[in-house]
Amino acid sequence: MKPENRPKIVFEGREYDDYQATQMQRRIERTIRKQKRLKTAYEAAGLTKEAQAANIRLRRLNEKYRQFSKAEGLPEQRERMKVLYP
């Protein structure tokens, strides 16, 4: 299907077609993995304030992921957000 013929969905003021929506979902998943690694590093270094800030951002990202997936009709794929080597 041509990009101009794909159905558009609006989330937070931006339009996404089906392909762009899956790419945005992947971007959020990568950001969540990165934030989990940062949180682990801060905790290991004993930087509690930074670890707490990283945890808050992680919770916000998880909420955004849930909202985006629901709005776009995409299944949540939590296995993609696991950090195997923190």
PDB file of N, CA and C in Angstrom:
ATOM      1  N   MET A   1       0.837  -1.165   0.000  1.00  0.00           N
ATOM      2  CA  MET A   1       0.000   0.000   0.000  1.00  0.00           C
ATOM      3  C   MET A   1       0.891   1.241   0.000  1.00  0.00           C
ATOM      4  N   LYS A   2       0.522   2.220  -0.762  1.00  0.00           N
ATOM      5  CA  LYS A   2       1.288   3.451  -0.830  1.00  0.00           C
ATOM      6  C   LYS A   2       1.155   4.229   0.474  1.00  0.00           C
ATOM      7  N   PRO A   3       2.208   4.930   0.877  1.00  0.00           N
ATOM      8  CA  PRO A   3       2.155   5.670   2.140  1.00  0.00           C
ATOM      9  C   PRO A   3       0.998   6.658   2.237  1.00  0.00           C
ATOM     10  N   GLU A   4       0.628   7.288   1.147  1.00  0.00           N
ATOM     11  CA  GLU A   4      -0.464   8.268   1.206  1.00  0.00           C
ATOM     12  C   GLU A   4      -1.828   7.608   1.358  1.00  0.00           C
ATOM     13  N   ASN A   5      -1.922   6.301   1.092  1.00  0.00           N
ATOM     14  CA  ASN A   5      -3.193   5.587   1.221  1.00  0.00           C
ATOM     15  C   ASN A   5      -3.353   4.882   2.571  1.00  0.00           C
ATOM     16  N   ARG A   6      -2.309   4.870   3.372  1.00  0.00           N
ATOM     17  CA  ARG A   6      -2.395   4.193   4.671  1.00  0.00           C
ATOM     18  C   ARG A   6      -3.257   5.011   5.635  1.00  0.00           C
ATOM     19  N   PRO A   7      -4.004   4.324   6.493  1.00  0.00           N
ATOM     20  CA  PRO A   7      -4.816   5.069   7.464  1.00  0.00           C
ATOM     21  C   PRO A   7      -3.919   5.790   8.475  1.00  0.00           C
ATOM     22  N   LYS A   8      -4.302   7.008   8.827  1.00  0.00           N
ATOM     23  CA  LYS A   8      -3.522   7.822   9.761  1.00  0.00           C
ATOM     24  C   LYS A   8      -4.168   7.792  11.135  1.00  0.00           C
ATOM     25  N   ILE A   9      -3.321   7.808  12.154  1.00  0.00           N
ATOM     26  CA  ILE A   9      -3.764   7.836  13.539  1.00  0.00           C
ATOM     27  C   ILE A   9      -3.044   8.995  14.204  1.00  0.00           C
ATOM     28  N   VAL A  10      -3.749   9.767  15.037  1.00  0.00           N
ATOM     29  CA  VAL A  10      -3.153  10.922  15.704  1.00  0.00           C
ATOM     30  C   VAL A  10      -2.896  10.570  17.166  1.00  0.00           C
ATOM     31  N   PHE A  11      -1.667  10.836  17.622  1.00  0.00           N
ATOM     32  CA  PHE A  11      -1.292  10.634  19.021  1.00  0.00           C
ATOM     33  C   PHE A  11      -0.429  11.812  19.435  1.00  0.00           C
ATOM     34  N   GLU A  12      -0.846  12.505  20.485  1.00  0.00           N
ATOM     35  CA  GLU A  12      -0.148  13.681  21.008  1.00  0.00           C
ATOM     36  C   GLU A  12       0.138  14.704  19.910  1.00  0.00           C
ATOM     37  N   GLY A  13      -0.848  14.917  19.040  1.00  0.00           N
ATOM     38  CA  GLY A  13      -0.738  15.933  18.016  1.00  0.00           C
ATOM     39  C   GLY A  13       0.057  15.557  16.779  1.00  0.00           C
ATOM     40  N   ARG A  14       0.524  14.325  16.687  1.00  0.00           N
ATOM     41  CA  ARG A  14       1.289  13.884  15.513  1.00  0.00           C
ATOM     42  C   ARG A  14       0.534  12.765  14.812  1.00  0.00           C
ATOM     43  N   GLU A  15       0.644  12.753  13.497  1.00  0.00           N
ATOM     44  CA  GLU A  15       0.005  11.707  12.703  1.00  0.00           C
ATOM     45  C   GLU A  15       0.981  10.569  12.441  1.00  0.00           C
ATOM     46  N   TYR A  16       0.475   9.348  12.568  1.00  0.00           N
ATOM     47  CA  TYR A  16       1.277   8.151  12.300  1.00  0.00           C
ATOM     48  C   TYR A  16       0.474   7.232  11.400  1.00  0.00           C
ATOM     49  N   ASP A  17       1.144   6.647  10.401  1.00  0.00           N
ATOM     50  CA  ASP A  17       0.505   5.557   9.680  1.00  0.00           C
ATOM     51  C   ASP A  17       0.933   4.269  10.385  1.00  0.00           C
ATOM     52  N   ASP A  18       0.524   3.127   9.877  1.00  0.00           N
ATOM     53  CA  ASP A  18       0.805   1.871  10.585  1.00  0.00           C
ATOM     54  C   ASP A  18       2.303   1.593  10.706  1.00  0.00           C
ATOM     55  N   TYR A  19       3.059   1.855   9.666  1.00  0.00           N
ATOM     56  CA  TYR A  19       4.500   1.612   9.730  1.00  0.00           C
ATOM     57  C   TYR A  19       5.182   2.576  10.700  1.00  0.00           C
ATOM     58  N   GLN A  20       4.841   3.844  10.612  1.00  0.00           N
ATOM     59  CA  GLN A  20       5.434   4.838  11.513  1.00  0.00           C
ATOM     60  C   GLN A  20       5.087   4.538  12.964  1.00  0.00           C
ATOM     61  N   ALA A  21       3.893   4.012  13.200  1.00  0.00           N
ATOM     62  CA  ALA A  21       3.483   3.669  14.565  1.00  0.00           C
ATOM     63  C   ALA A  21       4.353   2.547  15.132  1.00  0.00           C
ATOM     64  N   THR A  22       4.632   1.530  14.310  1.00  0.00           N
ATOM     65  CA  THR A  22       5.485   0.443  14.817  1.00  0.00           C
ATOM     66  C   THR A  22       6.903   0.946  15.063  1.00  0.00           C
ATOM     67  N   GLN A  23       7.380   1.859  14.225  1.00  0.00           N
ATOM     68  CA  GLN A  23       8.725   2.404  14.428  1.00  0.00           C
ATOM     69  C   GLN A  23       8.787   3.269  15.686  1.00  0.00           C
ATOM     70  N   MET A  24       7.733   4.020  15.955  1.00  0.00           N
ATOM     71  CA  MET A  24       7.680   4.828  17.177  1.00  0.00           C
ATOM     72  C   MET A  24       7.638   3.924  18.402  1.00  0.00           C
ATOM     73  N   GLN A  25       6.890   2.834  18.307  1.00  0.00           N
ATOM     74  CA  GLN A  25       6.831   1.878  19.407  1.00  0.00           C
ATOM     75  C   GLN A  25       8.223   1.304  19.675  1.00  0.00           C
ATOM     76  N   ARG A  26       8.951   0.964  18.625  1.00  0.00           N
ATOM     77  CA  ARG A  26      10.317   0.443  18.784  1.00  0.00           C
ATOM     78  C   ARG A  26      11.235   1.494  19.405  1.00  0.00           C
ATOM     79  N   ARG A  27      11.067   2.758  19.022  1.00  0.00           N
ATOM     80  CA  ARG A  27      11.882   3.834  19.584  1.00  0.00           C
ATOM     81  C   ARG A  27      11.651   3.965  21.089  1.00  0.00           C
ATOM     82  N   ILE A  28      10.392   3.854  21.502  1.00  0.00           N
ATOM     83  CA  ILE A  28      10.079   3.922  22.931  1.00  0.00           C
ATOM     84  C   ILE A  28      10.698   2.724  23.651  1.00  0.00           C
ATOM     85  N   GLU A  29      10.646   1.544  23.049  1.00  0.00           N
ATOM     86  CA  GLU A  29      11.241   0.350  23.660  1.00  0.00           C
ATOM     87  C   GLU A  29      12.749   0.514  23.833  1.00  0.00           C
ATOM     88  N   ARG A  30      13.428   1.061  22.826  1.00  0.00           N
ATOM     89  CA  ARG A  30      14.878   1.295  22.945  1.00  0.00           C
ATOM     90  C   ARG A  30      15.181   2.274  24.060  1.00  0.00           C
ATOM     91  N   THR A  31      14.370   3.319  24.178  1.00  0.00           N
ATOM     92  CA  THR A  31      14.578   4.317  25.216  1.00  0.00           C
ATOM     93  C   THR A  31      14.365   3.714  26.597  1.00  0.00           C
ATOM     94  N   ILE A  32      13.398   2.836  26.725  1.00  0.00           N
ATOM     95  CA  ILE A  32      13.148   2.170  28.008  1.00  0.00           C
ATOM     96  C   ILE A  32      14.345   1.292  28.388  1.00  0.00           C
ATOM     97  N   ARG A  33      14.876   0.533  27.424  1.00  0.00           N
ATOM     98  CA  ARG A  33      16.053  -0.293  27.719  1.00  0.00           C
ATOM     99  C   ARG A  33      17.234   0.573  28.155  1.00  0.00           C
ATOM    100  N   LYS A  34      17.442   1.663  27.473  1.00  0.00           N
ATOM    101  CA  LYS A  34      18.535   2.574  27.817  1.00  0.00           C
ATOM    102  C   LYS A  34      18.347   3.123  29.233  1.00  0.00           C
ATOM    103  N   GLN A  35      17.115   3.508  29.560  1.00  0.00           N
ATOM    104  CA  GLN A  35      16.837   4.071  30.882  1.00  0.00           C
ATOM    105  C   GLN A  35      17.035   3.021  31.968  1.00  0.00           C
ATOM    106  N   LYS A  36      16.695   1.777  31.705  1.00  0.00           N
ATOM    107  CA  LYS A  36      16.913   0.706  32.681  1.00  0.00           C
ATOM    108  C   LYS A  36      18.410   0.517  32.950  1.00  0.00           C
ATOM    109  N   ARG A  37      19.217   0.577  31.880  1.00  0.00           N
ATOM    110  CA  ARG A  37      20.659   0.437  32.059  1.00  0.00           C
ATOM    111  C   ARG A  37      21.227   1.607  32.856  1.00  0.00           C
ATOM    112  N   LEU A  38      20.748   2.827  32.583  1.00  0.00           N
ATOM    113  CA  LEU A  38      21.207   4.000  33.338  1.00  0.00           C
ATOM    114  C   LEU A  38      20.843   3.873  34.816  1.00  0.00           C
ATOM    115  N   LYS A  39      19.625   3.445  35.089  1.00  0.00           N
ATOM    116  CA  LYS A  39      19.185   3.288  36.478  1.00  0.00           C
ATOM    117  C   LYS A  39      20.069   2.285  37.217  1.00  0.00           C
ATOM    118  N   THR A  40      20.364   1.172  36.567  1.00  0.00           N
ATOM    119  CA  THR A  40      21.226   0.160  37.175  1.00  0.00           C
ATOM    120  C   THR A  40      22.623   0.706  37.428  1.00  0.00           C
ATOM    121  N   ALA A  41      23.146   1.478  36.485  1.00  0.00           N
ATOM    122  CA  ALA A  41      24.482   2.056  36.640  1.00  0.00           C
ATOM    123  C   ALA A  41      24.512   3.053  37.790  1.00  0.00           C
ATOM    124  N   TYR A  42      23.483   3.892  37.890  1.00  0.00           N
ATOM    125  CA  TYR A  42      23.428   4.856  38.996  1.00  0.00           C
ATOM    126  C   TYR A  42      23.338   4.152  40.338  1.00  0.00           C
ATOM    127  N   GLU A  43      22.546   3.096  40.408  1.00  0.00           N
ATOM    128  CA  GLU A  43      22.424   2.352  41.662  1.00  0.00           C
ATOM    129  C   GLU A  43      23.748   1.698  42.040  1.00  0.00           C
ATOM    130  N   ALA A  44      24.450   1.152  41.058  1.00  0.00           N
ATOM    131  CA  ALA A  44      25.733   0.507  41.318  1.00  0.00           C
ATOM    132  C   ALA A  44      26.780   1.514  41.776  1.00  0.00           C
ATOM    133  N   ALA A  45      26.679   2.742  41.275  1.00  0.00           N
ATOM    134  CA  ALA A  45      27.634   3.788  41.654  1.00  0.00           C
ATOM    135  C   ALA A  45      27.252   4.469  42.963  1.00  0.00           C
ATOM    136  N   GLY A  46      26.078   4.162  43.485  1.00  0.00           N
ATOM    137  CA  GLY A  46      25.645   4.760  44.740  1.00  0.00           C
ATOM    138  C   GLY A  46      25.060   6.152  44.577  1.00  0.00           C
ATOM    139  N   LEU A  47      24.675   6.510  43.382  1.00  0.00           N
ATOM    140  CA  LEU A  47      24.083   7.827  43.115  1.00  0.00           C
ATOM    141  C   LEU A  47      22.562   7.707  43.240  1.00  0.00           C
ATOM    142  N   THR A  48      22.066   7.894  44.457  1.00  0.00           N
ATOM    143  CA  THR A  48      20.656   7.626  44.718  1.00  0.00           C
ATOM    144  C   THR A  48      19.724   8.640  44.075  1.00  0.00           C
ATOM    145  N   LYS A  49      20.089   9.912  44.066  1.00  0.00           N
ATOM    146  CA  LYS A  49      19.205  10.914  43.463  1.00  0.00           C
ATOM    147  C   LYS A  49      19.070  10.699  41.962  1.00  0.00           C
ATOM    148  N   GLU A  50      20.177  10.395  41.307  1.00  0.00           N
ATOM    149  CA  GLU A  50      20.129  10.140  39.873  1.00  0.00           C
ATOM    150  C   GLU A  50      19.355   8.858  39.567  1.00  0.00           C
ATOM    151  N   ALA A  51      19.519   7.844  40.416  1.00  0.00           N
ATOM    152  CA  ALA A  51      18.784   6.589  40.234  1.00  0.00           C
ATOM    153  C   ALA A  51      17.285   6.814  40.408  1.00  0.00           C
ATOM    154  N   GLN A  52      16.931   7.659  41.362  1.00  0.00           N
ATOM    155  CA  GLN A  52      15.528   7.959  41.590  1.00  0.00           C
ATOM    156  C   GLN A  52      14.944   8.716  40.394  1.00  0.00           C
ATOM    157  N   ALA A  53      15.695   9.675  39.862  1.00  0.00           N
ATOM    158  CA  ALA A  53      15.237  10.416  38.682  1.00  0.00           C
ATOM    159  C   ALA A  53      15.098   9.482  37.481  1.00  0.00           C
ATOM    160  N   ALA A  54      16.034   8.555  37.331  1.00  0.00           N
ATOM    161  CA  ALA A  54      15.969   7.594  36.234  1.00  0.00           C
ATOM    162  C   ALA A  54      14.747   6.686  36.391  1.00  0.00           C
ATOM    163  N   ASN A  55      14.424   6.332  37.611  1.00  0.00           N
ATOM    164  CA  ASN A  55      13.263   5.485  37.870  1.00  0.00           C
ATOM    165  C   ASN A  55      11.967   6.221  37.539  1.00  0.00           C
ATOM    166  N   ILE A  56      11.903   7.498  37.859  1.00  0.00           N
ATOM    167  CA  ILE A  56      10.717   8.296  37.535  1.00  0.00           C
ATOM    168  C   ILE A  56      10.545   8.381  36.018  1.00  0.00           C
ATOM    169  N   ARG A  57      11.633   8.639  35.315  1.00  0.00           N
ATOM    170  CA  ARG A  57      11.566   8.720  33.848  1.00  0.00           C
ATOM    171  C   ARG A  57      11.161   7.364  33.257  1.00  0.00           C
ATOM    172  N   LEU A  58      11.656   6.290  33.858  1.00  0.00           N
ATOM    173  CA  LEU A  58      11.307   4.944  33.396  1.00  0.00           C
ATOM    174  C   LEU A  58       9.808   4.688  33.541  1.00  0.00           C
ATOM    175  N   ARG A  59       9.239   5.087  34.661  1.00  0.00           N
ATOM    176  CA  ARG A  59       7.797   4.912  34.861  1.00  0.00           C
ATOM    177  C   ARG A  59       6.996   5.730  33.849  1.00  0.00           C
ATOM    178  N   ARG A  60       7.448   6.950  33.570  1.00  0.00           N
ATOM    179  CA  ARG A  60       6.756   7.789  32.586  1.00  0.00           C
ATOM    180  C   ARG A  60       6.840   7.179  31.182  1.00  0.00           C
ATOM    181  N   LEU A  61       8.001   6.629  30.844  1.00  0.00           N
ATOM    182  CA  LEU A  61       8.160   5.987  29.542  1.00  0.00           C
ATOM    183  C   LEU A  61       7.258   4.762  29.416  1.00  0.00           C
ATOM    184  N   ASN A  62       7.151   3.974  30.491  1.00  0.00           N
ATOM    185  CA  ASN A  62       6.274   2.800  30.472  1.00  0.00           C
ATOM    186  C   ASN A  62       4.819   3.222  30.270  1.00  0.00           C
ATOM    187  N   GLU A  63       4.416   4.305  30.914  1.00  0.00           N
ATOM    188  CA  GLU A  63       3.053   4.799  30.760  1.00  0.00           C
ATOM    189  C   GLU A  63       2.823   5.296  29.333  1.00  0.00           C
ATOM    190  N   LYS A  64       3.805   6.002  28.777  1.00  0.00           N
ATOM    191  CA  LYS A  64       3.689   6.472  27.394  1.00  0.00           C
ATOM    192  C   LYS A  64       3.594   5.283  26.436  1.00  0.00           C
ATOM    193  N   TYR A  65       4.373   4.240  26.696  1.00  0.00           N
ATOM    194  CA  TYR A  65       4.339   3.038  25.871  1.00  0.00           C
ATOM    195  C   TYR A  65       2.953   2.405  25.899  1.00  0.00           C
ATOM    196  N   ARG A  66       2.372   2.290  27.094  1.00  0.00           N
ATOM    197  CA  ARG A  66       1.031   1.716  27.230  1.00  0.00           C
ATOM    198  C   ARG A  66       0.001   2.554  26.469  1.00  0.00           C
ATOM    199  N   GLN A  67       0.059   3.868  26.671  1.00  0.00           N
ATOM    200  CA  GLN A  67      -0.899   4.757  26.008  1.00  0.00           C
ATOM    201  C   GLN A  67      -0.752   4.718  24.492  1.00  0.00           C
ATOM    202  N   PHE A  68       0.486   4.762  24.011  1.00  0.00           N
ATOM    203  CA  PHE A  68       0.728   4.755  22.568  1.00  0.00           C
ATOM    204  C   PHE A  68       0.241   3.449  21.953  1.00  0.00           C
ATOM    205  N   SER A  69       0.583   2.342  22.568  1.00  0.00           N
ATOM    206  CA  SER A  69       0.182   1.040  22.034  1.00  0.00           C
ATOM    207  C   SER A  69      -1.335   0.907  21.985  1.00  0.00           C
ATOM    208  N   LYS A  70      -1.996   1.377  23.035  1.00  0.00           N
ATOM    209  CA  LYS A  70      -3.452   1.301  23.083  1.00  0.00           C
ATOM    210  C   LYS A  70      -4.074   2.206  22.025  1.00  0.00           C
ATOM    211  N   ALA A  71      -3.560   3.430  21.890  1.00  0.00           N
ATOM    212  CA  ALA A  71      -4.114   4.380  20.921  1.00  0.00           C
ATOM    213  C   ALA A  71      -3.923   3.898  19.485  1.00  0.00           C
ATOM    214  N   GLU A  72      -2.807   3.268  19.216  1.00  0.00           N
ATOM    215  CA  GLU A  72      -2.512   2.808  17.857  1.00  0.00           C
ATOM    216  C   GLU A  72      -3.069   1.419  17.565  1.00  0.00           C
ATOM    217  N   GLY A  73      -3.536   0.728  18.604  1.00  0.00           N
ATOM    218  CA  GLY A  73      -4.067  -0.618  18.406  1.00  0.00           C
ATOM    219  C   GLY A  73      -2.969  -1.656  18.231  1.00  0.00           C
ATOM    220  N   LEU A  74      -1.785  -1.372  18.757  1.00  0.00           N
ATOM    221  CA  LEU A  74      -0.662  -2.301  18.654  1.00  0.00           C
ATOM    222  C   LEU A  74      -0.556  -3.138  19.927  1.00  0.00           C
ATOM    223  N   PRO A  75      -0.151  -4.393  19.804  1.00  0.00           N
ATOM    224  CA  PRO A  75       0.035  -5.197  21.005  1.00  0.00           C
ATOM    225  C   PRO A  75       1.297  -4.747  21.749  1.00  0.00           C
ATOM    226  N   GLU A  76       1.227  -4.736  23.070  1.00  0.00           N
ATOM    227  CA  GLU A  76       2.414  -4.421  23.872  1.00  0.00           C
ATOM    228  C   GLU A  76       3.331  -5.637  23.832  1.00  0.00           C
ATOM    229  N   GLN A  77       4.579  -5.411  23.547  1.00  0.00           N
ATOM    230  CA  GLN A  77       5.543  -6.502  23.484  1.00  0.00           C
ATOM    231  C   GLN A  77       6.611  -6.269  24.539  1.00  0.00           C
ATOM    232  N   ARG A  78       6.280  -6.654  25.752  1.00  0.00           N
ATOM    233  CA  ARG A  78       7.148  -6.397  26.905  1.00  0.00           C
ATOM    234  C   ARG A  78       8.485  -7.130  26.824  1.00  0.00           C
ATOM    235  N   GLU A  79       8.537  -8.236  26.096  1.00  0.00           N
ATOM    236  CA  GLU A  79       9.800  -8.981  25.994  1.00  0.00           C
ATOM    237  C   GLU A  79      10.867  -8.160  25.276  1.00  0.00           C
ATOM    238  N   ARG A  80      10.475  -7.187  24.495  1.00  0.00           N
ATOM    239  CA  ARG A  80      11.441  -6.332  23.804  1.00  0.00           C
ATOM    240  C   ARG A  80      12.107  -5.333  24.733  1.00  0.00           C
ATOM    241  N   MET A  81      11.554  -5.147  25.913  1.00  0.00           N
ATOM    242  CA  MET A  81      12.088  -4.143  26.834  1.00  0.00           C
ATOM    243  C   MET A  81      12.967  -4.727  27.926  1.00  0.00           C
ATOM    244  N   LYS A  82      13.246  -6.026  27.845  1.00  0.00           N
ATOM    245  CA  LYS A  82      14.101  -6.646  28.846  1.00  0.00           C
ATOM    246  C   LYS A  82      15.559  -6.294  28.582  1.00  0.00           C
ATOM    247  N   VAL A  83      16.288  -6.045  29.651  1.00  0.00           N
ATOM    248  CA  VAL A  83      17.711  -5.780  29.540  1.00  0.00           C
ATOM    249  C   VAL A  83      18.428  -7.047  29.980  1.00  0.00           C
ATOM    250  N   LEU A  84      19.076  -7.703  29.042  1.00  0.00           N
ATOM    251  CA  LEU A  84      19.729  -8.974  29.348  1.00  0.00           C
ATOM    252  C   LEU A  84      21.052  -8.786  30.078  1.00  0.00           C
ATOM    253  N   TYR A  85      21.778  -7.747  29.725  1.00  0.00           N
ATOM    254  CA  TYR A  85      23.082  -7.491  30.345  1.00  0.00           C
ATOM    255  C   TYR A  85      23.107  -6.074  30.899  1.00  0.00           C
ATOM    256  N   PRO A  86      22.619  -5.911  32.140  1.00  0.00           N
ATOM    257  CA  PRO A  86      22.568  -4.552  32.707  1.00  0.00           C
ATOM    258  C   PRO A  86      23.943  -3.963  32.977  1.00  0.00           C
TER     259      PRO A  86
END
